[in-house]
């Protein structure tokens, strides 16, 4: 009897887990990939001793576009919450 209950409970859990909406998870994963690409660009700039030649605010006010000394461009976006940092 315990074994049947365990098998039924396991089947219910598997069925319910299969009904999960993954769109939000995929959207978050795409955002993480973009953020990681920006971090990689910044690391490459530091490694290659590049400097920021100019910067401008994006048209939609969501961040900045940095122009590096080799002509490449890096786009930095504001965080999701936009909370101010502590004064240091």
N, C-alpha and C. Protein backbone atom coordinates (compact mmCIF):
# COMPACT_ATOMS: atom_id res chain seq x y z
N UNK A 1 0.83 -1.19 0.00
CA UNK A 1 0.00 0.00 0.00
C UNK A 1 0.87 1.26 0.00
N UNK A 2 1.92 1.25 0.84
CA UNK A 2 2.83 2.40 0.88
C UNK A 2 3.52 2.59 -0.47
N UNK A 3 3.88 1.49 -1.07
CA UNK A 3 4.58 1.55 -2.34
C UNK A 3 3.69 2.15 -3.43
N UNK A 4 2.43 1.76 -3.47
CA UNK A 4 1.50 2.30 -4.46
C UNK A 4 1.31 3.80 -4.24
N UNK A 5 1.16 4.20 -2.98
CA UNK A 5 1.00 5.62 -2.67
C UNK A 5 2.24 6.41 -3.10
N UNK A 6 3.41 5.86 -2.87
CA UNK A 6 4.66 6.52 -3.25
C UNK A 6 4.74 6.68 -4.77
N UNK A 7 4.40 5.64 -5.50
CA UNK A 7 4.44 5.69 -6.96
C UNK A 7 3.44 6.71 -7.49
N UNK A 8 2.24 6.74 -6.94
CA UNK A 8 1.22 7.70 -7.36
C UNK A 8 1.66 9.12 -7.04
N UNK A 9 2.19 9.33 -5.85
CA UNK A 9 2.66 10.66 -5.46
C UNK A 9 3.79 11.12 -6.37
N UNK A 10 4.71 10.24 -6.69
CA UNK A 10 5.81 10.57 -7.58
C UNK A 10 5.29 10.91 -8.98
N UNK A 11 4.32 10.17 -9.46
CA UNK A 11 3.74 10.44 -10.78
C UNK A 11 3.06 11.81 -10.80
N UNK A 12 2.37 12.16 -9.74
CA UNK A 12 1.71 13.47 -9.66
C UNK A 12 2.74 14.59 -9.67
N UNK A 13 3.81 14.42 -8.93
CA UNK A 13 4.87 15.44 -8.89
C UNK A 13 5.49 15.62 -10.27
N UNK A 14 5.75 14.54 -10.96
CA UNK A 14 6.35 14.62 -12.29
C UNK A 14 5.40 15.31 -13.27
N UNK A 15 4.13 14.98 -13.20
CA UNK A 15 3.15 15.60 -14.10
C UNK A 15 3.04 17.09 -13.83
N UNK A 16 2.99 17.48 -12.55
CA UNK A 16 2.87 18.89 -12.21
C UNK A 16 4.13 19.67 -12.59
N UNK A 17 5.28 19.04 -12.44
CA UNK A 17 6.53 19.71 -12.80
C UNK A 17 6.62 19.92 -14.30
N UNK A 18 6.02 19.04 -15.07
CA UNK A 18 6.02 19.16 -16.52
C UNK A 18 5.15 20.28 -17.03
N UNK A 19 4.27 20.81 -16.20
CA UNK A 19 3.35 21.88 -16.60
C UNK A 19 3.90 23.27 -16.31
N UNK A 20 5.14 23.37 -15.93
CA UNK A 20 5.74 24.65 -15.57
C UNK A 20 5.96 25.51 -16.81
N UNK A 21 5.64 26.80 -16.71
CA UNK A 21 5.87 27.74 -17.80
C UNK A 21 7.32 28.19 -17.75
N UNK A 22 8.06 27.90 -18.80
CA UNK A 22 9.49 28.18 -18.83
C UNK A 22 9.84 29.47 -19.55
N UNK A 23 8.85 30.20 -20.08
CA UNK A 23 9.13 31.42 -20.82
C UNK A 23 9.88 32.44 -19.98
N UNK A 24 9.46 32.62 -18.74
CA UNK A 24 10.12 33.59 -17.86
C UNK A 24 11.56 33.18 -17.57
N UNK A 25 11.78 31.90 -17.39
CA UNK A 25 13.13 31.40 -17.13
C UNK A 25 14.02 31.64 -18.35
N UNK A 26 13.49 31.37 -19.55
CA UNK A 26 14.27 31.60 -20.77
C UNK A 26 14.56 33.09 -20.96
N UNK A 27 13.61 33.97 -20.63
CA UNK A 27 13.82 35.41 -20.74
C UNK A 27 14.94 35.85 -19.79
N UNK A 28 14.90 35.34 -18.56
CA UNK A 28 15.94 35.68 -17.59
C UNK A 28 17.30 35.17 -18.05
N UNK A 29 17.32 33.98 -18.63
CA UNK A 29 18.57 33.42 -19.13
C UNK A 29 19.14 34.27 -20.26
N UNK A 30 18.28 34.75 -21.15
CA UNK A 30 18.74 35.63 -22.23
C UNK A 30 19.32 36.92 -21.68
N UNK A 31 18.68 37.49 -20.66
CA UNK A 31 19.20 38.71 -20.03
C UNK A 31 20.56 38.45 -19.38
N UNK A 32 20.70 37.30 -18.74
CA UNK A 32 21.98 36.96 -18.11
C UNK A 32 23.08 36.82 -19.15
N UNK A 33 22.74 36.24 -20.31
CA UNK A 33 23.73 36.09 -21.38
C UNK A 33 24.20 37.46 -21.88
N UNK A 34 23.26 38.40 -22.03
CA UNK A 34 23.63 39.75 -22.48
C UNK A 34 24.52 40.43 -21.45
N UNK A 35 24.16 40.29 -20.17
CA UNK A 35 24.97 40.89 -19.11
C UNK A 35 26.38 40.30 -19.10
N UNK A 36 26.47 38.99 -19.27
CA UNK A 36 27.77 38.32 -19.29
C UNK A 36 28.61 38.79 -20.48
N UNK A 37 27.98 38.99 -21.62
CA UNK A 37 28.70 39.49 -22.79
C UNK A 37 29.27 40.88 -22.52
N UNK A 38 28.50 41.73 -21.84
CA UNK A 38 29.00 43.07 -21.49
C UNK A 38 30.18 42.99 -20.54
N UNK A 39 30.10 42.10 -19.57
CA UNK A 39 31.20 41.93 -18.62
C UNK A 39 32.45 41.44 -19.34
N UNK A 40 32.28 40.51 -20.27
CA UNK A 40 33.42 40.01 -21.05
C UNK A 40 34.07 41.14 -21.85
N UNK A 41 33.25 42.02 -22.43
CA UNK A 41 33.80 43.14 -23.19
C UNK A 41 34.60 44.06 -22.27
N UNK A 42 34.09 44.31 -21.09
CA UNK A 42 34.81 45.17 -20.14
C UNK A 42 36.12 44.53 -19.70
N UNK A 43 36.12 43.22 -19.49
CA UNK A 43 37.35 42.51 -19.10
C UNK A 43 38.36 42.58 -20.24
N UNK A 44 37.90 42.37 -21.48
CA UNK A 44 38.80 42.46 -22.63
C UNK A 44 39.39 43.86 -22.75
N UNK A 45 38.57 44.87 -22.49
CA UNK A 45 39.06 46.25 -22.56
C UNK A 45 40.14 46.49 -21.52
N UNK A 46 39.95 45.97 -20.32
CA UNK A 46 40.94 46.13 -19.26
C UNK A 46 42.21 45.35 -19.59
N UNK A 47 42.06 44.16 -20.14
CA UNK A 47 43.20 43.32 -20.48
C UNK A 47 44.03 43.96 -21.60
N UNK A 48 43.35 44.53 -22.59
CA UNK A 48 44.04 45.14 -23.73
C UNK A 48 44.42 46.59 -23.48
N UNK A 49 44.25 47.03 -22.24
CA UNK A 49 44.59 48.39 -21.83
C UNK A 49 43.89 49.44 -22.68
N UNK A 50 42.61 49.20 -22.97
CA UNK A 50 41.81 50.17 -23.69
C UNK A 50 41.26 51.19 -22.71
N UNK A 51 40.94 52.34 -23.22
CA UNK A 51 40.35 53.36 -22.36
C UNK A 51 39.05 53.86 -22.99
N UNK A 52 38.23 54.48 -22.17
CA UNK A 52 36.98 55.05 -22.64
C UNK A 52 37.28 56.41 -23.25
N UNK A 53 36.97 56.56 -24.53
CA UNK A 53 37.22 57.82 -25.23
C UNK A 53 36.04 58.76 -25.04
N UNK A 54 34.82 58.21 -25.13
CA UNK A 54 33.63 59.03 -24.94
C UNK A 54 32.48 58.14 -24.48
N UNK A 55 31.46 58.79 -23.99
CA UNK A 55 30.25 58.07 -23.61
C UNK A 55 29.05 58.95 -23.90
N UNK A 56 27.91 58.31 -24.12
CA UNK A 56 26.67 59.07 -24.30
C UNK A 56 25.52 58.26 -23.74
N UNK A 57 24.52 58.97 -23.28
CA UNK A 57 23.34 58.31 -22.73
C UNK A 57 22.52 57.75 -23.88
N UNK A 58 21.95 56.57 -23.69
CA UNK A 58 21.11 55.97 -24.72
C UNK A 58 19.85 56.80 -24.91
N UNK A 59 19.27 56.74 -26.10
CA UNK A 59 18.09 57.54 -26.42
C UNK A 59 16.92 57.27 -25.48
N UNK A 60 16.78 56.00 -25.06
CA UNK A 60 15.66 55.66 -24.17
C UNK A 60 16.01 55.83 -22.69
N UNK A 61 17.16 56.42 -22.40
CA UNK A 61 17.60 56.71 -21.02
C UNK A 61 17.78 55.45 -20.17
N UNK A 62 18.03 54.31 -20.83
CA UNK A 62 18.16 53.05 -20.08
C UNK A 62 19.60 52.70 -19.76
N UNK A 63 20.55 53.54 -20.14
CA UNK A 63 21.95 53.25 -19.86
C UNK A 63 22.86 54.15 -20.68
N UNK A 64 24.08 53.66 -20.93
CA UNK A 64 25.10 54.45 -21.62
C UNK A 64 25.79 53.61 -22.68
N UNK A 65 26.28 54.28 -23.71
CA UNK A 65 27.10 53.66 -24.73
C UNK A 65 28.51 54.21 -24.58
N UNK A 66 29.47 53.32 -24.31
CA UNK A 66 30.87 53.72 -24.16
C UNK A 66 31.61 53.47 -25.47
N UNK A 67 32.39 54.44 -25.91
CA UNK A 67 33.24 54.27 -27.08
C UNK A 67 34.67 54.10 -26.57
N UNK A 68 35.29 52.99 -26.95
CA UNK A 68 36.62 52.65 -26.46
C UNK A 68 37.69 53.21 -27.40
N UNK A 69 38.95 53.21 -26.96
CA UNK A 69 40.05 53.78 -27.73
C UNK A 69 40.32 53.04 -29.03
N UNK A 70 39.90 51.79 -29.16
CA UNK A 70 40.08 51.05 -30.41
C UNK A 70 38.87 51.18 -31.33
N UNK A 71 37.87 51.97 -30.94
CA UNK A 71 36.68 52.18 -31.77
C UNK A 71 35.51 51.28 -31.44
N UNK A 72 35.73 50.27 -30.62
CA UNK A 72 34.63 49.38 -30.25
C UNK A 72 33.67 50.10 -29.30
N UNK A 73 32.45 49.59 -29.22
CA UNK A 73 31.44 50.21 -28.38
C UNK A 73 30.88 49.18 -27.40
N UNK A 74 30.62 49.63 -26.19
CA UNK A 74 30.05 48.79 -25.14
C UNK A 74 28.80 49.49 -24.63
N UNK A 75 27.70 48.75 -24.55
CA UNK A 75 26.45 49.32 -24.05
C UNK A 75 26.22 48.81 -22.63
N UNK A 76 26.09 49.74 -21.71
CA UNK A 76 25.82 49.42 -20.30
C UNK A 76 24.40 49.85 -19.98
N UNK A 77 23.61 48.93 -19.41
CA UNK A 77 22.22 49.23 -19.05
C UNK A 77 22.11 49.38 -17.54
N UNK A 78 21.17 50.21 -17.10
CA UNK A 78 20.90 50.37 -15.68
C UNK A 78 20.35 49.06 -15.12
N UNK A 79 20.47 48.85 -13.81
CA UNK A 79 19.94 47.67 -13.16
C UNK A 79 18.42 47.66 -13.17
N UNK A 80 17.85 46.52 -12.80
CA UNK A 80 16.40 46.34 -12.84
C UNK A 80 15.70 47.26 -11.84
N UNK A 81 16.24 47.40 -10.65
CA UNK A 81 15.57 48.18 -9.61
C UNK A 81 15.92 49.66 -9.66
N UNK A 82 17.13 49.95 -10.09
CA UNK A 82 17.56 51.33 -10.17
C UNK A 82 17.68 52.03 -8.84
N UNK A 83 17.96 51.27 -7.78
CA UNK A 83 18.09 51.87 -6.46
C UNK A 83 19.46 52.55 -6.32
N UNK A 84 19.50 53.71 -5.69
CA UNK A 84 20.79 54.38 -5.52
C UNK A 84 21.70 53.62 -4.56
N UNK A 85 22.99 53.69 -4.82
CA UNK A 85 23.95 53.02 -3.95
C UNK A 85 24.24 53.83 -2.70
N UNK A 86 24.94 53.21 -1.77
CA UNK A 86 25.30 53.90 -0.53
C UNK A 86 26.44 54.88 -0.80
N UNK A 87 26.42 55.99 -0.10
CA UNK A 87 27.48 56.98 -0.24
C UNK A 87 28.74 56.44 0.42
N UNK A 88 29.87 56.47 -0.26
CA UNK A 88 31.06 55.88 0.31
C UNK A 88 32.26 56.71 0.34
